[in-house]
């Protein structure tokens, strides 16, 4: 059933269709925007934190936060949709994953993208089309400032096209893969595609 759902979801998905941007008046107060992590206490990035980009790419890299901040910045204001039924609006800024994919030379055989974190092994995997959507970013900022620790600092995945559990916080690795892998919640029965 899961693979059939994925085929239907991928058929209905369009990389060109953009989610509408909520107005500034729709913004959720910071303290009212829920946040979660899997670790027993809030994860803290190691001093030598870098983001590794690898898998089927011509030029694997390890990027510091300063290097990511030096890349073209994208700003998004989006409505977050949680599988539990709530939604909230925030603004995010960071780097489009499609820009990073172009810079490292992703192989056409890479149909999937896996995201790993330092939050007790939390991870997820996505279809390539969603990962490279124009509204999918690696966010280092929220609501005009640095990304809050409880929302995944120093870097998290954020997108208009996926449910909240697909947007991995506390990122450490982005791997472009030929085959579909799973995820923390996906391996426990959550829908793998998790599209909005």
Foldseek 3Di string as FASTA:
>chain_A
DLVVVVVVVVVPDDLPDDDDADDPVQADPPVPPDFDFDAPDQDDDDPPAWEWEEAQFQATDTHDPVRFVVDDKDKGWAWAAAPVGDIGIWMFMTAQVLVVCVVRHHDPLQQKKKWFAPRVTFIAMEGPSQSNRPFKGWTQDIRPGGDDSRHAPRTWIDGRWAHDSNIGGRTHYMYRYNDHDGGDVRVVPPRRHRTD
